[in-house]
Every structure is written in structure tokens, then in C-alpha cells.
Amino acid sequence: RVIQGDRSLEGLACGVDTDGALLVEIEGARRRVL
């Protein structure tokens, strides 16, 4: 669960990318969390 202020997202952690951004797969789409 990624909590950003009042937003909360759940997904599958997929490591980090070359910038160090957390990669989370949410509903089939991979998102960068910075």
C-alpha cells in the first residue's frame, strides 16, 4: 500500500527503476512512485 497524503494505492511491488523510483503494478499497469 502506497500512501501519499490522502491518497492510497495498492498493488504489487516490482523493485525500483534506474532513477530509484519505486515501481508498483496497479491494475495491470506499472507505475513509478516518486
PDB file of all heavy atoms in Angstrom:
ATOM      1  N   ARG A   1       0.875  -1.178   0.000  1.00  0.00           N
ATOM      2  CA  ARG A   1       0.000   0.000   0.000  1.00  0.00           C
ATOM      3  C   ARG A   1       0.907   1.221   0.000  1.00  0.00           C
ATOM      4  O   ARG A   1       1.766   1.355   0.861  1.00  0.00           O
ATOM      5  CB  ARG A   1      -0.888  -0.002   1.238  1.00  0.00           C
ATOM      6  CG  ARG A   1      -1.814   1.204   1.319  1.00  0.00           C
ATOM      7  CD  ARG A   1      -2.745   1.127   2.526  1.00  0.00           C
ATOM      8  NE  ARG A   1      -3.584  -0.059   2.427  1.00  0.00           N
ATOM      9  CZ  ARG A   1      -3.606  -1.049   3.339  1.00  0.00           C
ATOM     10  NH1 ARG A   1      -2.837  -0.984   4.397  1.00  0.00           N
ATOM     11  NH2 ARG A   1      -4.386  -2.082   3.179  1.00  0.00           N
ATOM     12  N   VAL A   2       0.715   2.082  -0.964  1.00  0.00           N
ATOM     13  CA  VAL A   2       1.487   3.312  -1.063  1.00  0.00           C
ATOM     14  C   VAL A   2       0.575   4.444  -0.604  1.00  0.00           C
ATOM     15  O   VAL A   2      -0.499   4.647  -1.168  1.00  0.00           O
ATOM     16  CB  VAL A   2       1.977   3.571  -2.504  1.00  0.00           C
ATOM     17  CG1 VAL A   2       2.745   4.880  -2.581  1.00  0.00           C
ATOM     18  CG2 VAL A   2       2.832   2.412  -2.993  1.00  0.00           C
ATOM     19  N   ILE A   3       1.016   5.169   0.420  1.00  0.00           N
ATOM     20  CA  ILE A   3       0.213   6.255   0.962  1.00  0.00           C
ATOM     21  C   ILE A   3       0.905   7.570   0.636  1.00  0.00           C
ATOM     22  O   ILE A   3       2.055   7.778   1.008  1.00  0.00           O
ATOM     23  CB  ILE A   3       0.053   6.100   2.483  1.00  0.00           C
ATOM     24  CG1 ILE A   3      -0.592   4.749   2.796  1.00  0.00           C
ATOM     25  CG2 ILE A   3      -0.762   7.239   3.061  1.00  0.00           C
ATOM     26  CD1 ILE A   3      -0.488   4.352   4.249  1.00  0.00           C
ATOM     27  N   GLN A   4       0.197   8.432  -0.084  1.00  0.00           N
ATOM     28  CA  GLN A   4       0.721   9.745  -0.462  1.00  0.00           C
ATOM     29  C   GLN A   4      -0.315  10.781  -0.046  1.00  0.00           C
ATOM     30  O   GLN A   4      -1.297  10.988  -0.750  1.00  0.00           O
ATOM     31  CB  GLN A   4       0.970   9.826  -1.959  1.00  0.00           C
ATOM     32  CG  GLN A   4       2.041   8.865  -2.443  1.00  0.00           C
ATOM     33  CD  GLN A   4       2.183   8.900  -3.945  1.00  0.00           C
ATOM     34  OE1 GLN A   4       1.216   8.724  -4.661  1.00  0.00           O
ATOM     35  NE2 GLN A   4       3.395   9.123  -4.413  1.00  0.00           N
ATOM     36  N   GLY A   5      -0.089  11.394   1.111  1.00  0.00           N
ATOM     37  CA  GLY A   5      -1.063  12.359   1.614  1.00  0.00           C
ATOM     38  C   GLY A   5      -2.374  11.663   1.904  1.00  0.00           C
ATOM     39  O   GLY A   5      -2.418  10.675   2.628  1.00  0.00           O
ATOM     40  N   ASP A   6      -3.462  12.106   1.267  1.00  0.00           N
ATOM     41  CA  ASP A   6      -4.766  11.488   1.491  1.00  0.00           C
ATOM     42  C   ASP A   6      -5.095  10.419   0.458  1.00  0.00           C
ATOM     43  O   ASP A   6      -6.164   9.830   0.482  1.00  0.00           O
ATOM     44  CB  ASP A   6      -5.873  12.547   1.542  1.00  0.00           C
ATOM     45  CG  ASP A   6      -5.987  13.349   0.254  1.00  0.00           C
ATOM     46  OD1 ASP A   6      -5.118  13.204  -0.624  1.00  0.00           O
ATOM     47  OD2 ASP A   6      -6.952  14.125   0.136  1.00  0.00           O
ATOM     48  N   ARG A   7      -4.167  10.147  -0.466  1.00  0.00           N
ATOM     49  CA  ARG A   7      -4.345   9.089  -1.475  1.00  0.00           C
ATOM     50  C   ARG A   7      -3.695   7.799  -1.014  1.00  0.00           C
ATOM     51  O   ARG A   7      -2.637   7.808  -0.406  1.00  0.00           O
ATOM     52  CB  ARG A   7      -3.694   9.489  -2.796  1.00  0.00           C
ATOM     53  CG  ARG A   7      -4.494  10.455  -3.597  1.00  0.00           C
ATOM     54  CD  ARG A   7      -3.860  10.738  -4.946  1.00  0.00           C
ATOM     55  NE  ARG A   7      -3.092   9.606  -5.462  1.00  0.00           N
ATOM     56  CZ  ARG A   7      -2.211   9.704  -6.450  1.00  0.00           C
ATOM     57  NH1 ARG A   7      -1.970  10.857  -7.004  1.00  0.00           N
ATOM     58  NH2 ARG A   7      -1.560   8.645  -6.870  1.00  0.00           N
ATOM     59  N   SER A   8      -4.313   6.687  -1.336  1.00  0.00           N
ATOM     60  CA  SER A   8      -3.766   5.380  -1.008  1.00  0.00           C
ATOM     61  C   SER A   8      -3.949   4.469  -2.218  1.00  0.00           C
ATOM     62  O   SER A   8      -5.027   4.406  -2.793  1.00  0.00           O
ATOM     63  CB  SER A   8      -4.492   4.798   0.205  1.00  0.00           C
ATOM     64  OG  SER A   8      -4.000   3.520   0.497  1.00  0.00           O
ATOM     65  N   LEU A   9      -2.868   3.807  -2.625  1.00  0.00           N
ATOM     66  CA  LEU A   9      -2.897   2.897  -3.760  1.00  0.00           C
ATOM     67  C   LEU A   9      -2.381   1.542  -3.318  1.00  0.00           C
ATOM     68  O   LEU A   9      -1.450   1.459  -2.521  1.00  0.00           O
ATOM     69  CB  LEU A   9      -2.013   3.421  -4.892  1.00  0.00           C
ATOM     70  CG  LEU A   9      -2.269   4.832  -5.398  1.00  0.00           C
ATOM     71  CD1 LEU A   9      -1.117   5.291  -6.272  1.00  0.00           C
ATOM     72  CD2 LEU A   9      -3.571   4.872  -6.168  1.00  0.00           C
ATOM     73  N   GLU A  10      -2.976   0.471  -3.825  1.00  0.00           N
ATOM     74  CA  GLU A  10      -2.480  -0.870  -3.530  1.00  0.00           C
ATOM     75  C   GLU A  10      -2.081  -1.543  -4.821  1.00  0.00           C
ATOM     76  O   GLU A  10      -2.733  -1.370  -5.847  1.00  0.00           O
ATOM     77  CB  GLU A  10      -3.539  -1.691  -2.799  1.00  0.00           C
ATOM     78  CG  GLU A  10      -3.779  -1.199  -1.398  1.00  0.00           C
ATOM     79  CD  GLU A  10      -4.690  -2.106  -0.593  1.00  0.00           C
ATOM     80  OE1 GLU A  10      -5.021  -3.214  -1.072  1.00  0.00           O
ATOM     81  OE2 GLU A  10      -5.069  -1.700   0.517  1.00  0.00           O
ATOM     82  N   GLY A  11      -0.985  -2.297  -4.746  1.00  0.00           N
ATOM     83  CA  GLY A  11      -0.521  -3.004  -5.919  1.00  0.00           C
ATOM     84  C   GLY A  11       0.601  -3.950  -5.553  1.00  0.00           C
ATOM     85  O   GLY A  11       0.817  -4.263  -4.381  1.00  0.00           O
ATOM     86  N   LEU A  12       1.327  -4.384  -6.554  1.00  0.00           N
ATOM     87  CA  LEU A  12       2.423  -5.332  -6.376  1.00  0.00           C
ATOM     88  C   LEU A  12       3.745  -4.597  -6.556  1.00  0.00           C
ATOM     89  O   LEU A  12       3.977  -3.959  -7.588  1.00  0.00           O
ATOM     90  CB  LEU A  12       2.306  -6.448  -7.416  1.00  0.00           C
ATOM     91  CG  LEU A  12       3.281  -7.600  -7.299  1.00  0.00           C
ATOM     92  CD1 LEU A  12       2.994  -8.411  -6.032  1.00  0.00           C
ATOM     93  CD2 LEU A  12       3.183  -8.494  -8.520  1.00  0.00           C
ATOM     94  N   ALA A  13       4.611  -4.661  -5.555  1.00  0.00           N
ATOM     95  CA  ALA A  13       5.925  -4.013  -5.643  1.00  0.00           C
ATOM     96  C   ALA A  13       6.767  -4.734  -6.688  1.00  0.00           C
ATOM     97  O   ALA A  13       6.844  -5.958  -6.703  1.00  0.00           O
ATOM     98  CB  ALA A  13       6.620  -4.028  -4.289  1.00  0.00           C
ATOM     99  N   CYS A  14       7.413  -3.951  -7.555  1.00  0.00           N
ATOM    100  CA  CYS A  14       8.210  -4.507  -8.654  1.00  0.00           C
ATOM    101  C   CYS A  14       9.630  -3.962  -8.648  1.00  0.00           C
ATOM    102  O   CYS A  14      10.251  -3.811  -9.698  1.00  0.00           O
ATOM    103  CB  CYS A  14       7.537  -4.194  -9.990  1.00  0.00           C
ATOM    104  SG  CYS A  14       5.883  -4.854 -10.160  1.00  0.00           S
ATOM    105  N   GLY A  15      10.158  -3.626  -7.468  1.00  0.00           N
ATOM    106  CA  GLY A  15      11.523  -3.125  -7.379  1.00  0.00           C
ATOM    107  C   GLY A  15      11.599  -1.633  -7.636  1.00  0.00           C
ATOM    108  O   GLY A  15      10.624  -0.903  -7.463  1.00  0.00           O
ATOM    109  N   VAL A  16      12.768  -1.189  -8.057  1.00  0.00           N
ATOM    110  CA  VAL A  16      12.988   0.227  -8.368  1.00  0.00           C
ATOM    111  C   VAL A  16      13.582   0.342  -9.765  1.00  0.00           C
ATOM    112  O   VAL A  16      14.185  -0.598 -10.271  1.00  0.00           O
ATOM    113  CB  VAL A  16      13.910   0.918  -7.331  1.00  0.00           C
ATOM    114  CG1 VAL A  16      13.278   0.922  -5.952  1.00  0.00           C
ATOM    115  CG2 VAL A  16      15.280   0.280  -7.289  1.00  0.00           C
ATOM    116  N   ASP A  17      13.397   1.515 -10.376  1.00  0.00           N
ATOM    117  CA  ASP A  17      13.958   1.716 -11.705  1.00  0.00           C
ATOM    118  C   ASP A  17      15.337   2.362 -11.604  1.00  0.00           C
ATOM    119  O   ASP A  17      15.890   2.517 -10.517  1.00  0.00           O
ATOM    120  CB  ASP A  17      13.004   2.510 -12.603  1.00  0.00           C
ATOM    121  CG  ASP A  17      12.812   3.953 -12.186  1.00  0.00           C
ATOM    122  OD1 ASP A  17      13.528   4.438 -11.280  1.00  0.00           O
ATOM    123  OD2 ASP A  17      11.938   4.612 -12.774  1.00  0.00           O
ATOM    124  N   THR A  18      15.890   2.770 -12.736  1.00  0.00           N
ATOM    125  CA  THR A  18      17.251   3.302 -12.757  1.00  0.00           C
ATOM    126  C   THR A  18      17.378   4.651 -12.056  1.00  0.00           C
ATOM    127  O   THR A  18      18.479   5.078 -11.740  1.00  0.00           O
ATOM    128  CB  THR A  18      17.766   3.451 -14.205  1.00  0.00           C
ATOM    129  OG1 THR A  18      16.855   4.278 -14.936  1.00  0.00           O
ATOM    130  CG2 THR A  18      17.889   2.091 -14.874  1.00  0.00           C
ATOM    131  N   ASP A  19      16.251   5.323 -11.806  1.00  0.00           N
ATOM    132  CA  ASP A  19      16.263   6.579 -11.059  1.00  0.00           C
ATOM    133  C   ASP A  19      16.027   6.360  -9.572  1.00  0.00           C
ATOM    134  O   ASP A  19      16.035   7.309  -8.800  1.00  0.00           O
ATOM    135  CB  ASP A  19      15.182   7.536 -11.578  1.00  0.00           C
ATOM    136  CG  ASP A  19      15.448   8.001 -12.995  1.00  0.00           C
ATOM    137  OD1 ASP A  19      16.629   8.131 -13.352  1.00  0.00           O
ATOM    138  OD2 ASP A  19      14.480   8.225 -13.730  1.00  0.00           O
ATOM    139  N   GLY A  20      15.740   5.120  -9.171  1.00  0.00           N
ATOM    140  CA  GLY A  20      15.428   4.827  -7.780  1.00  0.00           C
ATOM    141  C   GLY A  20      13.954   4.949  -7.457  1.00  0.00           C
ATOM    142  O   GLY A  20      13.558   4.829  -6.300  1.00  0.00           O
ATOM    143  N   ALA A  21      13.109   5.186  -8.470  1.00  0.00           N
ATOM    144  CA  ALA A  21      11.668   5.272  -8.244  1.00  0.00           C
ATOM    145  C   ALA A  21      11.124   3.884  -7.921  1.00  0.00           C
ATOM    146  O   ALA A  21      11.508   2.901  -8.552  1.00  0.00           O
ATOM    147  CB  ALA A  21      10.959   5.828  -9.475  1.00  0.00           C
ATOM    148  N   LEU A  22      10.232   3.819  -6.950  1.00  0.00           N
ATOM    149  CA  LEU A  22       9.553   2.573  -6.628  1.00  0.00           C
ATOM    150  C   LEU A  22       8.620   2.217  -7.775  1.00  0.00           C
ATOM    151  O   LEU A  22       7.881   3.064  -8.270  1.00  0.00           O
ATOM    152  CB  LEU A  22       8.748   2.730  -5.336  1.00  0.00           C
ATOM    153  CG  LEU A  22       7.878   1.548  -4.932  1.00  0.00           C
ATOM    154  CD1 LEU A  22       8.741   0.339  -4.590  1.00  0.00           C
ATOM    155  CD2 LEU A  22       6.994   1.938  -3.754  1.00  0.00           C
ATOM    156  N   LEU A  23       8.669   0.976  -8.227  1.00  0.00           N
ATOM    157  CA  LEU A  23       7.776   0.509  -9.281  1.00  0.00           C
ATOM    158  C   LEU A  23       6.678  -0.325  -8.637  1.00  0.00           C
ATOM    159  O   LEU A  23       6.958  -1.270  -7.895  1.00  0.00           O
ATOM    160  CB  LEU A  23       8.547  -0.326 -10.301  1.00  0.00           C
ATOM    161  CG  LEU A  23       9.672   0.396 -11.030  1.00  0.00           C
ATOM    162  CD1 LEU A  23      10.464  -0.576 -11.897  1.00  0.00           C
ATOM    163  CD2 LEU A  23       9.115   1.542 -11.870  1.00  0.00           C
ATOM    164  N   VAL A  24       5.428   0.033  -8.907  1.00  0.00           N
ATOM    165  CA  VAL A  24       4.285  -0.680  -8.348  1.00  0.00           C
ATOM    166  C   VAL A  24       3.326  -0.993  -9.484  1.00  0.00           C
ATOM    167  O   VAL A  24       2.943  -0.110 -10.250  1.00  0.00           O
ATOM    168  CB  VAL A  24       3.560   0.158  -7.267  1.00  0.00           C
ATOM    169  CG1 VAL A  24       2.370  -0.604  -6.703  1.00  0.00           C
ATOM    170  CG2 VAL A  24       4.516   0.544  -6.153  1.00  0.00           C
ATOM    171  N   GLU A  25       2.950  -2.269  -9.593  1.00  0.00           N
ATOM    172  CA  GLU A  25       1.965  -2.663 -10.595  1.00  0.00           C
ATOM    173  C   GLU A  25       0.582  -2.519  -9.975  1.00  0.00           C
ATOM    174  O   GLU A  25       0.269  -3.160  -8.969  1.00  0.00           O
ATOM    175  CB  GLU A  25       2.191  -4.106 -11.032  1.00  0.00           C
ATOM    176  CG  GLU A  25       1.298  -4.509 -12.184  1.00  0.00           C
ATOM    177  CD  GLU A  25       1.618  -5.898 -12.694  1.00  0.00           C
ATOM    178  OE1 GLU A  25       2.797  -6.167 -12.975  1.00  0.00           O
ATOM    179  OE2 GLU A  25       0.666  -6.694 -12.785  1.00  0.00           O
ATOM    180  N   ILE A  26      -0.237  -1.649 -10.585  1.00  0.00           N
ATOM    181  CA  ILE A  26      -1.577  -1.376 -10.090  1.00  0.00           C
ATOM    182  C   ILE A  26      -2.549  -1.620 -11.234  1.00  0.00           C
ATOM    183  O   ILE A  26      -2.452  -0.974 -12.289  1.00  0.00           O
ATOM    184  CB  ILE A  26      -1.701   0.081  -9.571  1.00  0.00           C
ATOM    185  CG1 ILE A  26      -0.695   0.304  -8.434  1.00  0.00           C
ATOM    186  CG2 ILE A  26      -3.126   0.377  -9.121  1.00  0.00           C
ATOM    187  CD1 ILE A  26      -0.553   1.740  -7.999  1.00  0.00           C
ATOM    188  N   GLU A  27      -3.451  -2.578 -11.034  1.00  0.00           N
ATOM    189  CA  GLU A  27      -4.449  -2.926 -12.046  1.00  0.00           C
ATOM    190  C   GLU A  27      -3.812  -3.181 -13.406  1.00  0.00           C
ATOM    191  O   GLU A  27      -4.264  -2.679 -14.428  1.00  0.00           O
ATOM    192  CB  GLU A  27      -5.529  -1.843 -12.129  1.00  0.00           C
ATOM    193  CG  GLU A  27      -6.307  -1.685 -10.839  1.00  0.00           C
ATOM    194  CD  GLU A  27      -7.336  -0.561 -10.903  1.00  0.00           C
ATOM    195  OE1 GLU A  27      -7.449   0.114 -11.950  1.00  0.00           O
ATOM    196  OE2 GLU A  27      -8.011  -0.369  -9.885  1.00  0.00           O
ATOM    197  N   GLY A  28      -2.717  -3.922 -13.419  1.00  0.00           N
ATOM    198  CA  GLY A  28      -2.065  -4.315 -14.656  1.00  0.00           C
ATOM    199  C   GLY A  28      -1.122  -3.296 -15.258  1.00  0.00           C
ATOM    200  O   GLY A  28      -0.447  -3.587 -16.240  1.00  0.00           O
ATOM    201  N   ALA A  29      -1.058  -2.101 -14.687  1.00  0.00           N
ATOM    202  CA  ALA A  29      -0.157  -1.070 -15.215  1.00  0.00           C
ATOM    203  C   ALA A  29       0.952  -0.794 -14.201  1.00  0.00           C
ATOM    204  O   ALA A  29       0.698  -0.667 -13.008  1.00  0.00           O
ATOM    205  CB  ALA A  29      -0.932   0.219 -15.495  1.00  0.00           C
ATOM    206  N   ARG A  30       2.175  -0.722 -14.682  1.00  0.00           N
ATOM    207  CA  ARG A  30       3.319  -0.428 -13.812  1.00  0.00           C
ATOM    208  C   ARG A  30       3.454   1.077 -13.652  1.00  0.00           C
ATOM    209  O   ARG A  30       3.503   1.811 -14.639  1.00  0.00           O
ATOM    210  CB  ARG A  30       4.587  -1.018 -14.408  1.00  0.00           C
ATOM    211  CG  ARG A  30       5.738  -1.022 -13.420  1.00  0.00           C
ATOM    212  CD  ARG A  30       6.877  -1.835 -13.933  1.00  0.00           C
ATOM    213  NE  ARG A  30       6.580  -3.246 -13.707  1.00  0.00           N
ATOM    214  CZ  ARG A  30       7.485  -4.208 -13.749  1.00  0.00           C
ATOM    215  NH1 ARG A  30       8.733  -3.920 -14.021  1.00  0.00           N
ATOM    216  NH2 ARG A  30       7.158  -5.453 -13.539  1.00  0.00           N
ATOM    217  N   ARG A  31       3.480   1.539 -12.394  1.00  0.00           N
ATOM    218  CA  ARG A  31       3.587   2.969 -12.109  1.00  0.00           C
ATOM    219  C   ARG A  31       4.862   3.253 -11.344  1.00  0.00           C
ATOM    220  O   ARG A  31       5.286   2.464 -10.511  1.00  0.00           O
ATOM    221  CB  ARG A  31       2.383   3.433 -11.280  1.00  0.00           C
ATOM    222  CG  ARG A  31       1.092   3.290 -12.056  1.00  0.00           C
ATOM    223  CD  ARG A  31      -0.093   3.777 -11.304  1.00  0.00           C
ATOM    224  NE  ARG A  31       0.077   5.158 -10.873  1.00  0.00           N
ATOM    225  CZ  ARG A  31      -0.844   5.836 -10.237  1.00  0.00           C
ATOM    226  NH1 ARG A  31      -2.000   5.303  -9.957  1.00  0.00           N
ATOM    227  NH2 ARG A  31      -0.633   7.081  -9.861  1.00  0.00           N
ATOM    228  N   ARG A  32       5.454   4.410 -11.636  1.00  0.00           N
ATOM    229  CA  ARG A  32       6.631   4.896 -10.907  1.00  0.00           C
ATOM    230  C   ARG A  32       6.128   5.724  -9.742  1.00  0.00           C
ATOM    231  O   ARG A  32       5.269   6.578  -9.916  1.00  0.00           O
ATOM    232  CB  ARG A  32       7.494   5.783 -11.798  1.00  0.00           C
ATOM    233  CG  ARG A  32       8.061   5.072 -12.989  1.00  0.00           C
ATOM    234  CD  ARG A  32       8.834   6.028 -13.880  1.00  0.00           C
ATOM    235  NE  ARG A  32      10.125   6.303 -13.256  1.00  0.00           N
ATOM    236  CZ  ARG A  32      10.596   7.516 -13.002  1.00  0.00           C
ATOM    237  NH1 ARG A  32       9.905   8.585 -13.304  1.00  0.00           N
ATOM    238  NH2 ARG A  32      11.776   7.673 -12.428  1.00  0.00           N
ATOM    239  N   VAL A  33       6.673   5.484  -8.570  1.00  0.00           N
ATOM    240  CA  VAL A  33       6.281   6.251  -7.395  1.00  0.00           C
ATOM    241  C   VAL A  33       7.476   7.079  -6.951  1.00  0.00           C
ATOM    242  O   VAL A  33       8.477   6.552  -6.499  1.00  0.00           O
ATOM    243  CB  VAL A  33       5.798   5.327  -6.251  1.00  0.00           C
ATOM    244  CG1 VAL A  33       5.437   6.142  -5.032  1.00  0.00           C
ATOM    245  CG2 VAL A  33       4.623   4.477  -6.716  1.00  0.00           C
ATOM    246  N   LEU A  34       7.365   8.388  -7.138  1.00  0.00           N
ATOM    247  CA  LEU A  34       8.379   9.351  -6.706  1.00  0.00           C
ATOM    248  C   LEU A  34       7.655  10.412  -5.896  1.00  0.00           C
ATOM    249  O   LEU A  34       6.744  11.057  -6.414  1.00  0.00           O
ATOM    250  CB  LEU A  34       9.050  10.031  -7.902  1.00  0.00           C
ATOM    251  CG  LEU A  34      10.130   9.255  -8.619  1.00  0.00           C
ATOM    252  CD1 LEU A  34      10.562   9.986  -9.881  1.00  0.00           C
ATOM    253  CD2 LEU A  34      11.333   9.046  -7.720  1.00  0.00           C
TER     254      LEU A  34
END
